[in-house]
Amino acid sequence: MQTQISNTKFLIYSIWGLRLLLVAIFLYHGLPKAIFWSAAAEKFVGFGLPGFLGPITGIAEVIASVLLLFGRFWRASNLVLLFIIAGAIVTVQLPNFIEDAKKVAGLERDLLILAGHLILLAAYPYGVLNKSNNSQTFSPTKVSSK
């Protein structure tokens, strides 16, 4: 029983840590795009994308990050951020890596962010992100609801 409680607390704190880290990453990158529209548009044009996507992406990153931080509409906000990072991988990081294999750091970082969002999506059914769903417990072998 003690192991089950310890595992549950560890899982909850790990997911909270991952959630806060992902929120911080997207706020750090989204706020400049949401505030400085012309710079964001220029940056996106430099990537070969339409300029209007820069500010829209920044605003979406900020709104989704804040919602994820406070646990509101977290599944939709998590999916928005997941699609944004997947888009960054496909349109920016992967072409940069193919062009120059030394630019692997950006691709690796974005793949880890993508994995983090997948983990958050996978963890939700077990109740670790929802305060109102405290009745569920986690154990390494099974998840049960009381």
Protein backbone atom coordinates (compact mmCIF):
# COMPACT_ATOMS: atom_id res chain seq x y z
CA MET A 1 0.00 0.00 0.00
CA GLN A 2 2.81 2.43 0.84
CA THR A 3 4.37 1.81 -2.60
CA GLN A 4 1.09 2.61 -4.28
CA ILE A 5 0.77 5.94 -2.45
CA SER A 6 4.39 6.83 -3.19
CA ASN A 7 3.95 5.97 -6.86
CA THR A 8 0.81 8.07 -7.06
CA LYS A 9 2.47 11.11 -5.52
CA PHE A 10 5.53 10.70 -7.72
CA LEU A 11 3.34 10.43 -10.82
CA ILE A 12 1.31 13.49 -9.87
CA TYR A 13 4.38 15.63 -9.16
CA SER A 14 6.12 14.41 -12.32
CA ILE A 15 3.14 15.28 -14.48
CA TRP A 16 2.84 18.69 -12.79
CA GLY A 17 6.53 19.32 -13.42
CA LEU A 18 6.22 18.32 -17.05
CA ARG A 19 3.12 20.47 -17.42
CA LEU A 20 4.83 23.54 -15.92
CA LEU A 21 7.90 23.02 -18.09
CA LEU A 22 5.84 22.80 -21.28
CA VAL A 23 3.84 25.89 -20.29
CA ALA A 24 7.07 27.81 -19.65
CA ILE A 25 8.54 26.77 -23.01
CA PHE A 26 5.47 27.83 -24.97
CA LEU A 27 5.03 31.10 -23.08
CA TYR A 28 8.70 31.93 -23.67
CA HIS A 29 8.36 31.37 -27.40
CA GLY A 30 4.75 32.50 -27.81
CA LEU A 31 4.76 35.87 -26.02
CA PRO A 32 7.21 37.57 -28.43
CA LYS A 33 5.18 36.31 -31.40
CA ALA A 34 1.92 37.48 -29.83
CA ILE A 35 3.30 40.93 -28.94
CA PHE A 36 5.58 41.76 -31.88
CA TRP A 37 3.44 40.82 -34.84
CA SER A 38 5.67 42.19 -37.57
CA ALA A 39 8.74 40.35 -36.26
CA ALA A 40 6.74 37.14 -36.00
CA ALA A 41 5.45 37.57 -39.53
CA GLU A 42 8.97 38.17 -40.86
CA LYS A 43 10.26 35.11 -39.06
CA PHE A 44 7.54 32.90 -40.51
CA VAL A 45 8.13 34.29 -44.01
CA GLY A 46 11.81 33.41 -43.52
CA PHE A 47 10.73 29.82 -42.82
CA GLY A 48 8.77 29.81 -46.09
CA LEU A 49 5.40 30.09 -44.38
CA PRO A 50 2.71 32.76 -44.74
CA GLY A 51 3.52 35.72 -42.50
CA PHE A 52 0.07 35.94 -40.92
CA LEU A 53 0.67 32.56 -39.25
CA GLY A 54 3.33 34.04 -36.94
CA PRO A 55 1.07 36.23 -34.79
CA ILE A 56 -1.74 33.66 -34.90
CA THR A 57 0.65 30.96 -33.70
CA GLY A 58 1.95 33.23 -30.93
CA ILE A 59 -1.53 34.08 -29.70
CA ALA A 60 -2.54 30.41 -29.81
CA GLU A 61 0.60 29.43 -27.86
CA VAL A 62 -0.08 32.00 -25.14
CA ILE A 63 -3.78 31.22 -24.75
CA ALA A 64 -3.25 27.44 -24.81
CA SER A 65 -0.35 27.70 -22.34
CA VAL A 66 -2.37 29.74 -19.86
CA LEU A 67 -5.31 27.34 -20.16
CA LEU A 68 -3.00 24.36 -19.66
CA LEU A 69 -1.40 26.04 -16.67
CA PHE A 70 -4.74 26.54 -14.94
CA GLY A 71 -6.16 23.20 -16.07
CA ARG A 72 -9.01 24.65 -18.10
CA PHE A 73 -9.90 23.05 -21.43
CA TRP A 74 -6.59 21.29 -20.94
CA ARG A 75 -7.18 18.57 -23.55
CA ALA A 76 -7.95 21.10 -26.30
CA SER A 77 -5.08 23.38 -25.24
CA ASN A 78 -2.70 20.43 -25.07
CA LEU A 79 -3.74 19.36 -28.57
CA VAL A 80 -3.25 22.91 -29.90
CA LEU A 81 0.29 22.98 -28.50
CA LEU A 82 0.91 19.45 -29.79
CA PHE A 83 -0.08 20.49 -33.31
CA ILE A 84 2.03 23.65 -33.11
CA ILE A 85 5.14 21.71 -32.13
CA ALA A 86 4.42 19.05 -34.77
CA GLY A 87 4.15 21.86 -37.32
CA ALA A 88 7.46 23.32 -36.15
CA ILE A 89 9.11 19.93 -36.53
CA VAL A 90 7.77 19.36 -40.04
CA THR A 91 8.21 22.88 -41.43
CA VAL A 92 11.36 24.12 -39.64
CA GLN A 93 13.37 21.57 -37.69
CA LEU A 94 13.25 18.61 -40.07
CA PRO A 95 14.19 20.64 -43.18
CA ASN A 96 17.02 22.30 -41.20
CA PHE A 97 18.28 18.90 -40.09
CA ILE A 98 18.09 17.48 -43.62
CA GLU A 99 19.98 20.51 -44.93
CA ASP A 100 22.65 20.37 -42.22
CA ALA A 101 22.86 17.39 -39.87
CA LYS A 102 24.67 19.57 -37.33
CA LYS A 103 21.35 21.32 -36.63
CA VAL A 104 20.05 18.28 -34.75
CA ALA A 105 19.65 20.08 -31.38
CA GLY A 106 16.50 21.96 -32.42
CA LEU A 107 14.95 18.80 -33.80
CA GLU A 108 15.78 16.83 -30.66
CA ARG A 109 14.32 19.57 -28.43
CA ASP A 110 11.10 19.76 -30.39
CA LEU A 111 10.74 15.97 -30.43
CA LEU A 112 11.07 15.95 -26.63
CA ILE A 113 8.42 18.67 -26.37
CA LEU A 114 6.17 16.60 -28.63
CA ALA A 115 6.75 13.56 -26.40
CA GLY A 116 5.91 15.64 -23.34
CA HIS A 117 2.54 16.59 -24.77
CA LEU A 118 1.83 12.98 -25.68
CA ILE A 119 2.62 11.98 -22.09
CA LEU A 120 0.23 14.64 -20.76
CA LEU A 121 -2.51 13.35 -23.04
CA ALA A 122 -1.85 9.76 -21.98
CA ALA A 123 -1.76 10.63 -18.26
CA TYR A 124 -5.10 12.40 -18.11
CA PRO A 125 -7.38 9.34 -18.03
CA TYR A 126 -5.71 8.33 -14.77
CA GLY A 127 -6.89 11.49 -13.03
CA VAL A 128 -3.50 13.05 -12.35
CA LEU A 129 -4.33 16.36 -14.01
CA ASN A 130 -7.86 16.88 -12.79
CA LYS A 131 -8.44 17.98 -9.18
CA SER A 132 -12.08 16.92 -9.30
CA ASN A 133 -11.07 13.35 -10.11
CA ASN A 134 -9.16 12.49 -6.91
CA SER A 135 -10.84 9.12 -6.48
CA GLN A 136 -8.51 7.30 -8.84
CA THR A 137 -5.29 5.68 -7.75
CA PHE A 138 -2.28 4.66 -9.76
CA SER A 139 -0.18 1.57 -9.33
CA PRO A 140 2.55 0.24 -11.61
CA THR A 141 0.43 -2.74 -12.64
CA LYS A 142 -3.09 -1.39 -12.77
CA VAL A 143 -5.21 1.69 -12.50
CA SER A 144 -8.36 1.40 -10.45
CA SER A 145 -11.17 3.68 -9.41
CA LYS A 146 -12.64 3.49 -5.91
